[in-house]
N, C-alpha and C. Protein backbone atom coordinates (compact mmCIF):
# COMPACT_ATOMS: atom_id res chain seq x y z
N UNK A 1 41.17 21.02 58.21
CA UNK A 1 40.29 20.88 59.37
C UNK A 1 40.80 21.81 60.46
N UNK A 2 39.88 22.54 61.07
CA UNK A 2 40.24 23.43 62.18
C UNK A 2 39.56 22.94 63.44
N UNK A 3 40.38 22.66 64.46
CA UNK A 3 39.90 22.18 65.75
C UNK A 3 40.22 23.24 66.80
N UNK A 4 39.30 24.17 67.02
CA UNK A 4 39.51 25.15 68.07
C UNK A 4 39.40 24.48 69.43
N UNK A 5 40.26 24.89 70.36
CA UNK A 5 40.25 24.28 71.69
C UNK A 5 40.60 25.33 72.72
N UNK A 6 39.77 25.43 73.76
CA UNK A 6 40.02 26.37 74.84
C UNK A 6 39.64 25.72 76.16
N UNK A 7 40.62 25.54 77.01
CA UNK A 7 40.42 24.94 78.33
C UNK A 7 40.37 26.08 79.33
N UNK A 8 39.20 26.63 79.55
CA UNK A 8 39.00 27.82 80.39
C UNK A 8 39.41 27.60 81.85
N UNK A 9 39.37 26.37 82.30
CA UNK A 9 39.60 26.09 83.73
C UNK A 9 40.91 25.35 83.96
N UNK A 10 41.74 25.27 82.92
CA UNK A 10 43.04 24.60 83.01
C UNK A 10 42.89 23.18 83.57
N UNK A 11 41.84 22.49 83.13
CA UNK A 11 41.60 21.12 83.56
C UNK A 11 42.72 20.21 83.06
N UNK A 12 43.13 19.30 83.91
CA UNK A 12 44.18 18.34 83.57
C UNK A 12 43.57 16.96 83.39
N UNK A 13 44.02 16.28 82.36
CA UNK A 13 43.54 14.94 82.05
C UNK A 13 44.72 13.97 82.08
N UNK A 14 44.44 12.68 82.23
CA UNK A 14 45.50 11.68 82.18
C UNK A 14 45.60 11.06 80.79
N UNK A 15 45.13 11.79 79.79
CA UNK A 15 45.22 11.40 78.39
C UNK A 15 45.41 12.66 77.58
N UNK A 16 45.79 12.53 76.33
CA UNK A 16 45.99 13.68 75.45
C UNK A 16 44.61 14.12 74.93
N UNK A 17 44.02 15.07 75.63
CA UNK A 17 42.65 15.47 75.32
C UNK A 17 42.51 16.14 73.96
N UNK A 18 43.53 16.83 73.49
CA UNK A 18 43.44 17.48 72.19
C UNK A 18 43.50 16.44 71.07
N UNK A 19 44.40 15.48 71.19
CA UNK A 19 44.49 14.41 70.18
C UNK A 19 43.20 13.60 70.15
N UNK A 20 42.64 13.30 71.32
CA UNK A 20 41.38 12.54 71.36
C UNK A 20 40.24 13.35 70.77
N UNK A 21 40.17 14.63 71.07
CA UNK A 21 39.15 15.51 70.49
C UNK A 21 39.22 15.46 68.97
N UNK A 22 40.41 15.59 68.42
CA UNK A 22 40.57 15.56 66.96
C UNK A 22 40.16 14.21 66.38
N UNK A 23 40.56 13.14 67.04
CA UNK A 23 40.22 11.80 66.57
C UNK A 23 38.71 11.58 66.58
N UNK A 24 38.05 12.03 67.64
CA UNK A 24 36.59 11.87 67.72
C UNK A 24 35.90 12.67 66.61
N UNK A 25 36.28 13.92 66.45
CA UNK A 25 35.67 14.76 65.41
C UNK A 25 35.87 14.12 64.04
N UNK A 26 37.09 13.70 63.74
CA UNK A 26 37.38 13.08 62.45
C UNK A 26 36.55 11.82 62.23
N UNK A 27 36.43 11.00 63.28
CA UNK A 27 35.69 9.74 63.17
C UNK A 27 34.21 10.00 62.91
N UNK A 28 33.63 10.96 63.62
CA UNK A 28 32.21 11.29 63.40
C UNK A 28 32.00 11.80 61.98
N UNK A 29 32.84 12.72 61.54
CA UNK A 29 32.66 13.29 60.20
C UNK A 29 32.88 12.24 59.11
N UNK A 30 33.83 11.34 59.32
CA UNK A 30 34.05 10.26 58.36
C UNK A 30 32.86 9.31 58.34
N UNK A 31 32.37 8.94 59.51
CA UNK A 31 31.23 8.02 59.60
C UNK A 31 29.97 8.64 58.98
N UNK A 32 29.85 9.95 59.07
CA UNK A 32 28.68 10.65 58.52
C UNK A 32 28.90 11.11 57.08
N UNK A 33 30.03 10.72 56.51
CA UNK A 33 30.35 11.04 55.11
C UNK A 33 30.32 12.54 54.82
N UNK A 34 30.87 13.33 55.73
CA UNK A 34 30.95 14.77 55.50
C UNK A 34 31.94 15.04 54.37
N UNK A 35 31.50 15.69 53.30
CA UNK A 35 32.38 15.90 52.15
C UNK A 35 33.28 17.13 52.26
N UNK A 36 33.22 17.81 53.40
CA UNK A 36 33.95 19.07 53.56
C UNK A 36 34.98 19.00 54.68
N UNK A 37 36.01 19.82 54.54
CA UNK A 37 36.84 20.14 55.68
C UNK A 37 35.95 21.01 56.57
N UNK A 38 36.12 20.89 57.87
CA UNK A 38 35.18 21.58 58.77
C UNK A 38 35.93 22.31 59.88
N UNK A 39 35.18 23.12 60.57
CA UNK A 39 35.70 23.88 61.71
C UNK A 39 34.79 23.61 62.91
N UNK A 40 35.41 23.19 64.02
CA UNK A 40 34.68 22.90 65.25
C UNK A 40 35.44 23.55 66.40
N UNK A 41 34.71 24.10 67.35
CA UNK A 41 35.32 24.70 68.53
C UNK A 41 34.90 23.90 69.76
N UNK A 42 35.87 23.63 70.64
CA UNK A 42 35.61 22.93 71.90
C UNK A 42 36.06 23.81 73.05
N UNK A 43 35.18 23.98 74.01
CA UNK A 43 35.46 24.78 75.20
C UNK A 43 35.25 23.91 76.43
N UNK A 44 36.24 23.87 77.32
CA UNK A 44 36.13 23.14 78.58
C UNK A 44 35.90 24.18 79.68
N UNK A 45 34.84 23.98 80.46
CA UNK A 45 34.48 24.89 81.54
C UNK A 45 34.18 24.08 82.80
N UNK A 46 33.89 24.78 83.90
CA UNK A 46 33.43 24.09 85.10
C UNK A 46 31.91 24.26 85.21
N UNK A 47 31.32 23.64 86.22
CA UNK A 47 29.86 23.69 86.36
C UNK A 47 29.31 25.10 86.50
N UNK A 48 30.01 25.97 87.21
CA UNK A 48 29.48 27.33 87.38
C UNK A 48 29.47 28.08 86.05
N UNK A 49 30.50 27.90 85.24
CA UNK A 49 30.52 28.53 83.92
C UNK A 49 29.46 27.91 83.01
N UNK A 50 29.30 26.59 83.10
CA UNK A 50 28.31 25.90 82.28
C UNK A 50 26.90 26.40 82.64
N UNK A 51 26.64 26.56 83.91
CA UNK A 51 25.34 27.06 84.34
C UNK A 51 25.08 28.45 83.76
N UNK A 52 26.09 29.31 83.78
CA UNK A 52 25.96 30.66 83.25
C UNK A 52 25.69 30.62 81.74
N UNK A 53 26.44 29.81 81.01
CA UNK A 53 26.24 29.69 79.56
C UNK A 53 24.84 29.15 79.26
N UNK A 54 24.43 28.13 80.00
CA UNK A 54 23.11 27.53 79.79
C UNK A 54 22.00 28.55 80.07
N UNK A 55 22.17 29.36 81.10
CA UNK A 55 21.18 30.38 81.43
C UNK A 55 21.14 31.46 80.34
N UNK A 56 22.32 31.92 79.92
CA UNK A 56 22.37 32.98 78.92
C UNK A 56 21.89 32.54 77.54
N UNK A 57 22.24 31.31 77.15
CA UNK A 57 21.94 30.85 75.79
C UNK A 57 20.61 30.12 75.66
N UNK A 58 20.18 29.46 76.75
CA UNK A 58 18.99 28.61 76.64
C UNK A 58 17.91 28.94 77.66
N UNK A 59 18.17 29.94 78.50
CA UNK A 59 17.22 30.32 79.55
C UNK A 59 16.96 29.19 80.53
N UNK A 60 17.95 28.33 80.73
CA UNK A 60 17.84 27.23 81.69
C UNK A 60 18.87 27.48 82.78
N UNK A 61 18.38 27.71 83.99
CA UNK A 61 19.26 28.08 85.10
C UNK A 61 19.76 26.84 85.83
N UNK A 62 20.53 26.03 85.09
CA UNK A 62 21.06 24.80 85.64
C UNK A 62 22.31 24.43 84.85
N UNK A 63 23.15 23.63 85.45
CA UNK A 63 24.33 23.15 84.74
C UNK A 63 23.96 21.90 83.94
N UNK A 64 24.84 21.50 83.07
CA UNK A 64 24.66 20.29 82.26
C UNK A 64 26.03 19.77 81.88
N UNK A 65 26.08 18.59 81.29
CA UNK A 65 27.38 18.01 80.94
C UNK A 65 27.94 18.55 79.63
N UNK A 66 27.06 18.81 78.66
CA UNK A 66 27.50 19.27 77.34
C UNK A 66 26.45 20.19 76.73
N UNK A 67 26.94 21.19 76.04
CA UNK A 67 26.08 22.05 75.23
C UNK A 67 26.62 22.06 73.81
N UNK A 68 25.72 22.08 72.86
CA UNK A 68 26.08 22.10 71.45
C UNK A 68 25.44 23.31 70.80
N UNK A 69 26.23 24.05 70.05
CA UNK A 69 25.72 25.22 69.36
C UNK A 69 26.01 25.09 67.86
N UNK A 70 25.08 24.42 67.14
CA UNK A 70 25.31 24.21 65.70
C UNK A 70 25.20 25.50 64.91
N UNK A 71 26.00 25.58 63.86
CA UNK A 71 25.97 26.74 62.96
C UNK A 71 25.12 26.47 61.71
N UNK A 72 24.81 25.19 61.47
CA UNK A 72 24.06 24.80 60.28
C UNK A 72 22.73 24.19 60.71
N UNK A 73 21.67 24.55 60.00
CA UNK A 73 20.36 23.95 60.22
C UNK A 73 20.10 22.98 59.07
N UNK A 74 20.08 21.70 59.38
CA UNK A 74 19.93 20.67 58.36
C UNK A 74 18.46 20.33 58.17
N UNK A 75 18.06 20.15 56.91
CA UNK A 75 16.70 19.67 56.64
C UNK A 75 16.59 18.22 57.10
N UNK A 76 17.64 17.45 56.84
CA UNK A 76 17.73 16.05 57.24
C UNK A 76 19.05 15.90 57.99
N UNK A 77 19.03 15.35 59.20
CA UNK A 77 20.28 15.19 59.95
C UNK A 77 21.34 14.45 59.15
N UNK A 78 22.56 15.00 59.16
CA UNK A 78 23.68 14.35 58.48
C UNK A 78 23.66 14.47 56.97
N UNK A 79 22.72 15.23 56.41
CA UNK A 79 22.64 15.42 54.96
C UNK A 79 23.32 16.74 54.61
N UNK A 80 24.51 16.64 54.05
CA UNK A 80 25.31 17.82 53.73
C UNK A 80 25.03 18.36 52.33
N UNK A 81 24.08 17.77 51.61
CA UNK A 81 23.86 18.11 50.20
C UNK A 81 23.37 19.53 49.96
N UNK A 82 22.78 20.15 50.96
CA UNK A 82 22.21 21.48 50.74
C UNK A 82 22.99 22.60 51.43
N UNK A 83 24.07 22.28 52.12
CA UNK A 83 24.76 23.33 52.88
C UNK A 83 25.38 24.40 52.01
N UNK A 84 25.79 24.07 50.81
CA UNK A 84 26.39 25.08 49.94
C UNK A 84 25.37 26.14 49.51
N UNK A 85 24.08 25.80 49.60
CA UNK A 85 23.02 26.75 49.23
C UNK A 85 22.71 27.71 50.38
N UNK A 86 23.18 27.39 51.58
CA UNK A 86 22.88 28.21 52.75
C UNK A 86 23.93 29.32 52.91
N UNK A 87 23.47 30.44 53.45
CA UNK A 87 24.39 31.54 53.70
C UNK A 87 25.18 31.30 54.98
N UNK A 88 26.38 31.79 55.00
CA UNK A 88 27.22 31.81 56.20
C UNK A 88 27.54 30.44 56.80
N UNK A 89 27.55 29.39 56.01
CA UNK A 89 27.89 28.06 56.52
C UNK A 89 29.37 27.74 56.37
N UNK A 90 30.10 28.59 55.65
CA UNK A 90 31.50 28.33 55.40
C UNK A 90 32.36 29.51 55.84
N UNK A 91 33.52 29.21 56.37
CA UNK A 91 34.48 30.24 56.74
C UNK A 91 35.01 30.84 55.45
N UNK A 92 34.86 32.15 55.29
CA UNK A 92 35.25 32.79 54.03
C UNK A 92 36.76 32.76 53.80
N UNK A 93 37.54 32.64 54.88
CA UNK A 93 39.00 32.61 54.73
C UNK A 93 39.52 31.22 54.40
N UNK A 94 38.94 30.19 55.01
CA UNK A 94 39.47 28.83 54.85
C UNK A 94 38.61 27.95 53.94
N UNK A 95 37.35 28.33 53.73
CA UNK A 95 36.44 27.50 52.96
C UNK A 95 35.88 26.33 53.74
N UNK A 96 36.20 26.23 55.03
CA UNK A 96 35.74 25.11 55.85
C UNK A 96 34.28 25.31 56.30
N UNK A 97 33.58 24.18 56.39
CA UNK A 97 32.21 24.18 56.89
C UNK A 97 32.23 24.53 58.37
N UNK A 98 31.46 25.54 58.77
CA UNK A 98 31.39 25.95 60.17
C UNK A 98 30.36 25.08 60.88
N UNK A 99 30.82 24.05 61.58
CA UNK A 99 29.88 23.14 62.24
C UNK A 99 29.30 23.74 63.51
N UNK A 100 30.13 24.36 64.34
CA UNK A 100 29.62 24.96 65.57
C UNK A 100 30.53 24.74 66.74
N UNK A 101 29.95 24.96 67.93
CA UNK A 101 30.70 24.93 69.18
C UNK A 101 30.21 23.85 70.11
N UNK A 102 31.16 23.26 70.83
CA UNK A 102 30.89 22.26 71.86
C UNK A 102 31.41 22.82 73.17
N UNK A 103 30.60 22.73 74.22
CA UNK A 103 31.03 23.14 75.56
C UNK A 103 30.87 21.94 76.47
N UNK A 104 31.97 21.58 77.15
CA UNK A 104 31.96 20.45 78.09
C UNK A 104 32.26 20.93 79.49
N UNK A 105 31.59 20.34 80.46
CA UNK A 105 31.86 20.62 81.87
C UNK A 105 32.83 19.59 82.42
N UNK A 106 34.01 20.04 82.86
CA UNK A 106 34.99 19.14 83.46
C UNK A 106 34.41 18.48 84.71
N UNK A 107 33.61 19.22 85.45
CA UNK A 107 33.00 18.64 86.67
C UNK A 107 32.10 17.47 86.32
N UNK A 108 31.33 17.61 85.25
CA UNK A 108 30.43 16.53 84.84
C UNK A 108 31.18 15.36 84.21
N UNK A 109 32.24 15.66 83.47
CA UNK A 109 33.06 14.58 82.91
C UNK A 109 33.54 13.69 84.05
N UNK A 110 34.04 14.32 85.09
CA UNK A 110 34.59 13.55 86.23
C UNK A 110 33.50 12.82 87.01
N UNK A 111 32.42 13.51 87.33
CA UNK A 111 31.37 12.88 88.14
C UNK A 111 30.64 11.77 87.38
N UNK A 112 30.38 11.98 86.09
CA UNK A 112 29.68 10.97 85.31
C UNK A 112 30.57 9.76 85.03
N UNK A 113 31.85 9.97 84.84
CA UNK A 113 32.77 8.84 84.67
C UNK A 113 32.72 7.96 85.91
N UNK A 114 32.75 8.59 87.06
CA UNK A 114 32.68 7.83 88.32
C UNK A 114 31.31 7.16 88.47
N UNK A 115 30.26 7.91 88.21
CA UNK A 115 28.89 7.38 88.35
C UNK A 115 28.65 6.17 87.44
N UNK A 116 29.15 6.25 86.20
CA UNK A 116 28.90 5.18 85.23
C UNK A 116 29.99 4.11 85.25
N UNK A 117 31.00 4.30 86.07
CA UNK A 117 32.03 3.27 86.22
C UNK A 117 32.96 3.11 85.03
N UNK A 118 33.24 4.21 84.35
CA UNK A 118 34.22 4.15 83.27
C UNK A 118 35.20 5.31 83.39
N UNK A 119 36.12 5.39 82.48
CA UNK A 119 37.20 6.38 82.57
C UNK A 119 36.72 7.78 82.16
N UNK A 120 37.47 8.79 82.59
CA UNK A 120 37.21 10.15 82.15
C UNK A 120 37.45 10.26 80.64
N UNK A 121 38.40 9.50 80.14
CA UNK A 121 38.68 9.48 78.70
C UNK A 121 37.43 9.04 77.93
N UNK A 122 36.78 8.00 78.42
CA UNK A 122 35.58 7.50 77.76
C UNK A 122 34.45 8.52 77.83
N UNK A 123 34.27 9.15 78.98
CA UNK A 123 33.20 10.15 79.14
C UNK A 123 33.45 11.36 78.25
N UNK A 124 34.68 11.83 78.22
CA UNK A 124 35.08 12.96 77.39
C UNK A 124 34.77 12.66 75.91
N UNK A 125 35.23 11.50 75.44
CA UNK A 125 35.01 11.12 74.04
C UNK A 125 33.52 10.99 73.74
N UNK A 126 32.78 10.35 74.64
CA UNK A 126 31.34 10.16 74.44
C UNK A 126 30.62 11.50 74.32
N UNK A 127 30.95 12.44 75.19
CA UNK A 127 30.26 13.73 75.14
C UNK A 127 30.59 14.49 73.85
N UNK A 128 31.80 14.33 73.34
CA UNK A 128 32.14 14.96 72.07
C UNK A 128 31.38 14.29 70.93
N UNK A 129 31.30 12.96 70.93
CA UNK A 129 30.51 12.25 69.92
C UNK A 129 29.06 12.76 69.96
N UNK A 130 28.48 12.79 71.15
CA UNK A 130 27.10 13.24 71.33
C UNK A 130 26.91 14.64 70.75
N UNK A 131 27.81 15.54 71.10
CA UNK A 131 27.70 16.91 70.65
C UNK A 131 27.92 17.04 69.14
N UNK A 132 28.87 16.29 68.60
CA UNK A 132 29.11 16.33 67.16
C UNK A 132 27.85 15.90 66.39
N UNK A 133 27.17 14.89 66.90
CA UNK A 133 25.93 14.48 66.24
C UNK A 133 24.89 15.60 66.27
N UNK A 134 24.83 16.34 67.37
CA UNK A 134 23.95 17.51 67.41
C UNK A 134 24.39 18.56 66.38
N UNK A 135 25.70 18.76 66.25
CA UNK A 135 26.20 19.76 65.31
C UNK A 135 25.89 19.42 63.86
N UNK A 136 25.61 18.15 63.59
CA UNK A 136 25.25 17.80 62.22
C UNK A 136 23.77 17.42 62.09
N UNK A 137 22.98 17.89 63.06
CA UNK A 137 21.54 17.87 62.89
C UNK A 137 20.75 16.82 63.65
N UNK A 138 21.41 15.89 64.32
CA UNK A 138 20.67 14.86 65.05
C UNK A 138 20.18 15.41 66.38
N UNK A 139 19.08 14.84 66.86
CA UNK A 139 18.53 15.23 68.15
C UNK A 139 17.89 14.02 68.80
N UNK A 140 17.45 14.19 70.02
CA UNK A 140 16.85 13.09 70.78
C UNK A 140 15.61 13.55 71.52
N UNK A 141 14.82 14.39 70.85
CA UNK A 141 13.62 14.93 71.46
C UNK A 141 12.54 13.86 71.62
N UNK A 142 12.34 13.05 70.57
CA UNK A 142 11.35 11.98 70.72
C UNK A 142 12.07 10.63 70.82
N UNK A 143 11.34 9.61 71.22
CA UNK A 143 11.91 8.29 71.50
C UNK A 143 12.61 7.68 70.28
N UNK A 144 12.00 7.79 69.12
CA UNK A 144 12.58 7.22 67.91
C UNK A 144 13.93 7.88 67.60
N UNK A 145 13.97 9.21 67.68
CA UNK A 145 15.22 9.93 67.43
C UNK A 145 16.27 9.61 68.49
N UNK A 146 15.84 9.48 69.74
CA UNK A 146 16.77 9.16 70.83
C UNK A 146 17.42 7.80 70.58
N UNK A 147 16.63 6.81 70.22
CA UNK A 147 17.16 5.48 69.97
C UNK A 147 18.11 5.47 68.77
N UNK A 148 17.75 6.21 67.74
CA UNK A 148 18.58 6.30 66.55
C UNK A 148 19.93 6.96 66.89
N UNK A 149 19.87 8.05 67.64
CA UNK A 149 21.09 8.75 68.02
C UNK A 149 21.95 7.90 68.95
N UNK A 150 21.34 7.20 69.87
CA UNK A 150 22.09 6.32 70.77
C UNK A 150 22.81 5.22 69.99
N UNK A 151 22.15 4.69 68.96
CA UNK A 151 22.78 3.67 68.13
C UNK A 151 23.98 4.24 67.39
N UNK A 152 23.85 5.44 66.85
CA UNK A 152 24.97 6.09 66.17
C UNK A 152 26.13 6.32 67.16
N UNK A 153 25.80 6.79 68.36
CA UNK A 153 26.84 7.02 69.37
C UNK A 153 27.59 5.74 69.68
N UNK A 154 26.84 4.65 69.87
CA UNK A 154 27.45 3.36 70.20
C UNK A 154 28.39 2.91 69.08
N UNK A 155 27.94 3.02 67.84
CA UNK A 155 28.76 2.60 66.69
C UNK A 155 30.04 3.42 66.59
N UNK A 156 29.93 4.71 66.80
CA UNK A 156 31.11 5.58 66.71
C UNK A 156 32.08 5.28 67.84
N UNK A 157 31.57 5.06 69.04
CA UNK A 157 32.45 4.72 70.16
C UNK A 157 33.15 3.38 69.88
N UNK A 158 32.47 2.44 69.26
CA UNK A 158 33.09 1.17 68.88
C UNK A 158 34.18 1.39 67.83
N UNK A 159 33.90 2.25 66.85
CA UNK A 159 34.92 2.57 65.84
C UNK A 159 36.16 3.18 66.48
N UNK A 160 35.94 3.99 67.51
CA UNK A 160 37.05 4.61 68.23
C UNK A 160 37.78 3.61 69.13
N UNK A 161 37.14 2.47 69.37
CA UNK A 161 37.72 1.48 70.28
C UNK A 161 37.65 1.89 71.73
N UNK A 162 36.66 2.75 72.04
CA UNK A 162 36.49 3.24 73.41
C UNK A 162 35.18 2.65 73.95
N UNK A 163 35.33 1.63 74.75
CA UNK A 163 34.17 0.92 75.25
C UNK A 163 34.04 1.14 76.75
N UNK A 164 32.89 0.76 77.30
CA UNK A 164 32.67 0.90 78.74
C UNK A 164 33.51 -0.07 79.51
């Protein structure tokens, strides 16, 4: 398993953010029965960097809490049965499934933790869970998908023992 990590803004946490990142990724992949070793990249930025990335990548001139850039397009969310048939889904050097990139805003982690009345650790973990689900094909565009994804997020956070 490869866990890329880059803290662009030298954000400091009162918990081991790299260990938590790894634990969250592992828990999501285990819960989703991913049969492969995988590669995920996590980037921590501030709101101004997030706004720039969002504008450049999505044509949205606003900041956000998390962005997900999946490398695999799933026919069915969480169904890994067809990825070997797709081109460029695996790192040719390691053989790991290239899941994609997660970008988190430290400013939003802090403000949303305060707004929702829970810890930065909980917000950080939740945003990684949310993004990992996007990286394996889940979305929340319509109400049914949103409710399904929210239920998955809740279950994974419970498995992690990170509650509100």
